[in-house]
Structure formats: C-alpha cells, structure tokens
Amino acid sequence: MTIGASILIGAIGAILRYAVADQVDNVDLRMVGLILMIAAAVGLVIGLIQMATRRRVVTEVREAPPRAY
C-alpha cells in the first residue's frame, strides 16, 4: 500500500468513526472506521519501511575513447 493510499484510507476511516451519525442495519460504522484507521496506520508504516530500505541504483555512463583514424 502506498503512502497516499494509507492517508486516504485513514481519512475515510476517521470520517466514518467521528463524523457519520447515520445508522446502518447490522453494521457498526464506528467500528468500520476504526478498522480502516488501523489498517491505514499499518500500511503507512510498511510503506515507510519499504521506502527507507529501497535500494538506490546509480547508473554510470562510460564513453568510449575517441578513435584514431
């Protein structure tokens, strides 16, 4: 999960947890929001770890010496 996706899922979870007052039969929206926020936090940590441990590739370009005719 990318960092942007984690932030988006966390924002949706926070909205469901704290801002939605509607009721849905057999679904606790506050719990769904909490689960989404936890998943976003885990995804954010994993994304940051992957970004920190990613290998940096350095490409070196060598030019051939000029030809003598």
N, C-alpha and C. Protein backbone atom coordinates (compact mmCIF):
# COMPACT_ATOMS: atom_id res chain seq x y z
N MET A 1 0.85 -1.16 0.00
CA MET A 1 0.00 0.00 0.00
C MET A 1 0.90 1.23 0.00
N THR A 2 0.61 2.16 -0.83
CA THR A 2 1.42 3.36 -0.89
C THR A 2 1.06 4.30 0.24
N ILE A 3 1.90 5.30 0.42
CA ILE A 3 1.68 6.26 1.49
C ILE A 3 0.41 7.07 1.23
N GLY A 4 0.18 7.44 -0.01
CA GLY A 4 -1.02 8.19 -0.35
C GLY A 4 -2.30 7.41 -0.11
N ALA A 5 -2.27 6.13 -0.45
CA ALA A 5 -3.44 5.28 -0.22
C ALA A 5 -3.70 5.12 1.27
N SER A 6 -2.64 5.02 2.06
CA SER A 6 -2.80 4.90 3.51
C SER A 6 -3.44 6.14 4.09
N ILE A 7 -3.01 7.30 3.62
CA ILE A 7 -3.60 8.55 4.11
C ILE A 7 -5.08 8.64 3.71
N LEU A 8 -5.40 8.23 2.50
CA LEU A 8 -6.79 8.26 2.03
C LEU A 8 -7.66 7.32 2.86
N ILE A 9 -7.19 6.10 3.09
CA ILE A 9 -7.96 5.14 3.88
C ILE A 9 -8.12 5.63 5.32
N GLY A 10 -7.07 6.24 5.86
CA GLY A 10 -7.15 6.79 7.21
C GLY A 10 -8.17 7.92 7.31
N ALA A 11 -8.21 8.77 6.29
CA ALA A 11 -9.18 9.87 6.29
C ALA A 11 -10.61 9.35 6.19
N ILE A 12 -10.82 8.36 5.34
CA ILE A 12 -12.16 7.77 5.23
C ILE A 12 -12.55 7.11 6.55
N GLY A 13 -11.60 6.41 7.17
CA GLY A 13 -11.88 5.79 8.46
C GLY A 13 -12.21 6.80 9.53
N ALA A 14 -11.48 7.92 9.56
CA ALA A 14 -11.76 8.96 10.56
C ALA A 14 -13.13 9.59 10.34
N ILE A 15 -13.50 9.77 9.08
CA ILE A 15 -14.83 10.31 8.79
C ILE A 15 -15.91 9.35 9.28
N LEU A 16 -15.74 8.07 9.00
CA LEU A 16 -16.74 7.10 9.46
C LEU A 16 -16.76 7.02 10.98
N ARG A 17 -15.61 7.12 11.60
CA ARG A 17 -15.53 6.97 13.06
C ARG A 17 -16.12 8.18 13.79
N TYR A 18 -15.80 9.39 13.33
CA TYR A 18 -16.13 10.57 14.12
C TYR A 18 -17.20 11.48 13.52
N ALA A 19 -17.48 11.39 12.23
CA ALA A 19 -18.37 12.38 11.62
C ALA A 19 -19.70 11.83 11.14
N VAL A 20 -19.83 10.52 11.01
CA VAL A 20 -21.06 9.95 10.47
C VAL A 20 -21.96 9.56 11.63
N ALA A 21 -23.19 10.07 11.58
CA ALA A 21 -24.15 9.77 12.64
C ALA A 21 -25.26 8.84 12.15
N ASP A 22 -25.21 8.42 10.90
CA ASP A 22 -26.25 7.54 10.36
C ASP A 22 -26.12 6.14 10.93
N GLN A 23 -27.19 5.40 10.84
CA GLN A 23 -27.24 4.02 11.29
C GLN A 23 -27.48 3.12 10.10
N VAL A 24 -26.75 2.02 10.04
CA VAL A 24 -26.96 1.02 9.01
C VAL A 24 -27.25 -0.29 9.74
N ASP A 25 -28.25 -1.01 9.27
CA ASP A 25 -28.62 -2.26 9.92
C ASP A 25 -27.45 -3.24 9.89
N ASN A 26 -27.15 -3.84 11.03
CA ASN A 26 -26.14 -4.88 11.20
C ASN A 26 -24.72 -4.43 10.85
N VAL A 27 -24.47 -3.11 10.78
CA VAL A 27 -23.13 -2.60 10.51
C VAL A 27 -22.84 -1.47 11.50
N ASP A 28 -21.75 -1.62 12.24
CA ASP A 28 -21.33 -0.56 13.16
C ASP A 28 -20.31 0.31 12.43
N LEU A 29 -20.74 1.48 11.96
CA LEU A 29 -19.88 2.35 11.17
C LEU A 29 -18.69 2.86 11.97
N ARG A 30 -18.86 3.03 13.28
CA ARG A 30 -17.73 3.47 14.11
C ARG A 30 -16.64 2.40 14.14
N MET A 31 -17.04 1.14 14.20
CA MET A 31 -16.05 0.06 14.21
C MET A 31 -15.38 -0.07 12.84
N VAL A 32 -16.14 0.09 11.77
CA VAL A 32 -15.57 0.05 10.42
C VAL A 32 -14.54 1.18 10.28
N GLY A 33 -14.86 2.35 10.78
CA GLY A 33 -13.92 3.47 10.73
C GLY A 33 -12.66 3.18 11.51
N LEU A 34 -12.79 2.57 12.67
CA LEU A 34 -11.62 2.23 13.48
C LEU A 34 -10.75 1.20 12.77
N ILE A 35 -11.37 0.20 12.17
CA ILE A 35 -10.62 -0.82 11.43
C ILE A 35 -9.87 -0.19 10.26
N LEU A 36 -10.51 0.73 9.55
CA LEU A 36 -9.84 1.40 8.44
C LEU A 36 -8.67 2.25 8.92
N MET A 37 -8.82 2.93 10.05
CA MET A 37 -7.72 3.73 10.56
C MET A 37 -6.54 2.86 10.99
N ILE A 38 -6.81 1.72 11.59
CA ILE A 38 -5.74 0.80 11.98
C ILE A 38 -5.04 0.25 10.74
N ALA A 39 -5.82 -0.13 9.74
CA ALA A 39 -5.23 -0.64 8.50
C ALA A 39 -4.38 0.44 7.82
N ALA A 40 -4.83 1.67 7.88
CA ALA A 40 -4.06 2.77 7.29
C ALA A 40 -2.75 2.99 8.03
N ALA A 41 -2.77 2.89 9.35
CA ALA A 41 -1.55 3.06 10.13
C ALA A 41 -0.55 1.95 9.81
N VAL A 42 -1.02 0.71 9.72
CA VAL A 42 -0.14 -0.41 9.39
C VAL A 42 0.41 -0.24 7.97
N GLY A 43 -0.43 0.14 7.03
CA GLY A 43 0.02 0.36 5.66
C GLY A 43 1.02 1.49 5.55
N LEU A 44 0.83 2.55 6.34
CA LEU A 44 1.76 3.66 6.33
C LEU A 44 3.12 3.24 6.85
N VAL A 45 3.14 2.47 7.94
CA VAL A 45 4.41 2.01 8.49
C VAL A 45 5.12 1.09 7.50
N ILE A 46 4.40 0.18 6.88
CA ILE A 46 5.00 -0.71 5.89
C ILE A 46 5.53 0.08 4.69
N GLY A 47 4.78 1.05 4.23
CA GLY A 47 5.22 1.88 3.11
C GLY A 47 6.48 2.68 3.44
N LEU A 48 6.55 3.21 4.66
CA LEU A 48 7.74 3.96 5.05
C LEU A 48 8.96 3.05 5.17
N ILE A 49 8.75 1.83 5.69
CA ILE A 49 9.86 0.88 5.80
C ILE A 49 10.35 0.50 4.41
N GLN A 50 9.44 0.24 3.50
CA GLN A 50 9.84 -0.12 2.14
C GLN A 50 10.58 1.03 1.47
N MET A 51 10.13 2.24 1.69
CA MET A 51 10.78 3.38 1.08
C MET A 51 12.19 3.59 1.67
N ALA A 52 12.34 3.34 2.95
CA ALA A 52 13.64 3.54 3.59
C ALA A 52 14.64 2.46 3.21
N THR A 53 14.16 1.26 2.92
CA THR A 53 15.08 0.17 2.62
C THR A 53 15.24 -0.09 1.13
N ARG A 54 14.61 0.72 0.31
CA ARG A 54 14.72 0.55 -1.13
C ARG A 54 16.14 0.83 -1.57
N ARG A 55 16.63 0.00 -2.46
CA ARG A 55 17.98 0.19 -2.98
C ARG A 55 18.03 1.38 -3.91
N ARG A 56 19.09 2.10 -3.79
CA ARG A 56 19.34 3.21 -4.72
C ARG A 56 20.25 2.68 -5.82
N VAL A 57 19.85 2.85 -7.05
CA VAL A 57 20.63 2.36 -8.18
C VAL A 57 21.32 3.55 -8.83
N VAL A 58 22.62 3.46 -8.93
CA VAL A 58 23.41 4.50 -9.56
C VAL A 58 23.88 3.97 -10.90
N THR A 59 23.57 4.68 -11.95
CA THR A 59 23.97 4.27 -13.28
C THR A 59 25.16 5.10 -13.72
N GLU A 60 26.20 4.42 -14.14
CA GLU A 60 27.40 5.10 -14.60
C GLU A 60 27.50 4.93 -16.11
N VAL A 61 27.67 6.03 -16.80
CA VAL A 61 27.78 6.01 -18.26
C VAL A 61 29.24 6.23 -18.62
N ARG A 62 29.81 5.29 -19.33
CA ARG A 62 31.19 5.41 -19.76
C ARG A 62 31.21 5.68 -21.26
N GLU A 63 32.00 6.64 -21.62
CA GLU A 63 32.14 6.96 -23.04
C GLU A 63 33.36 6.25 -23.59
N ALA A 64 33.24 5.79 -24.78
CA ALA A 64 34.36 5.12 -25.44
C ALA A 64 35.41 6.17 -25.80
N PRO A 65 36.69 5.80 -25.73
CA PRO A 65 37.72 6.77 -26.12
C PRO A 65 37.60 7.09 -27.60
N PRO A 66 38.01 8.27 -27.98
CA PRO A 66 37.90 8.64 -29.41
C PRO A 66 38.79 7.76 -30.28
N ARG A 67 38.30 7.45 -31.46
CA ARG A 67 39.05 6.60 -32.38
C ARG A 67 40.06 7.41 -33.18
N ALA A 68 41.22 6.85 -33.37
CA ALA A 68 42.23 7.49 -34.21
C ALA A 68 42.14 6.87 -35.60
N TYR A 69 41.93 7.69 -36.61
CA TYR A 69 41.79 7.17 -37.98
C TYR A 69 43.08 7.22 -38.71
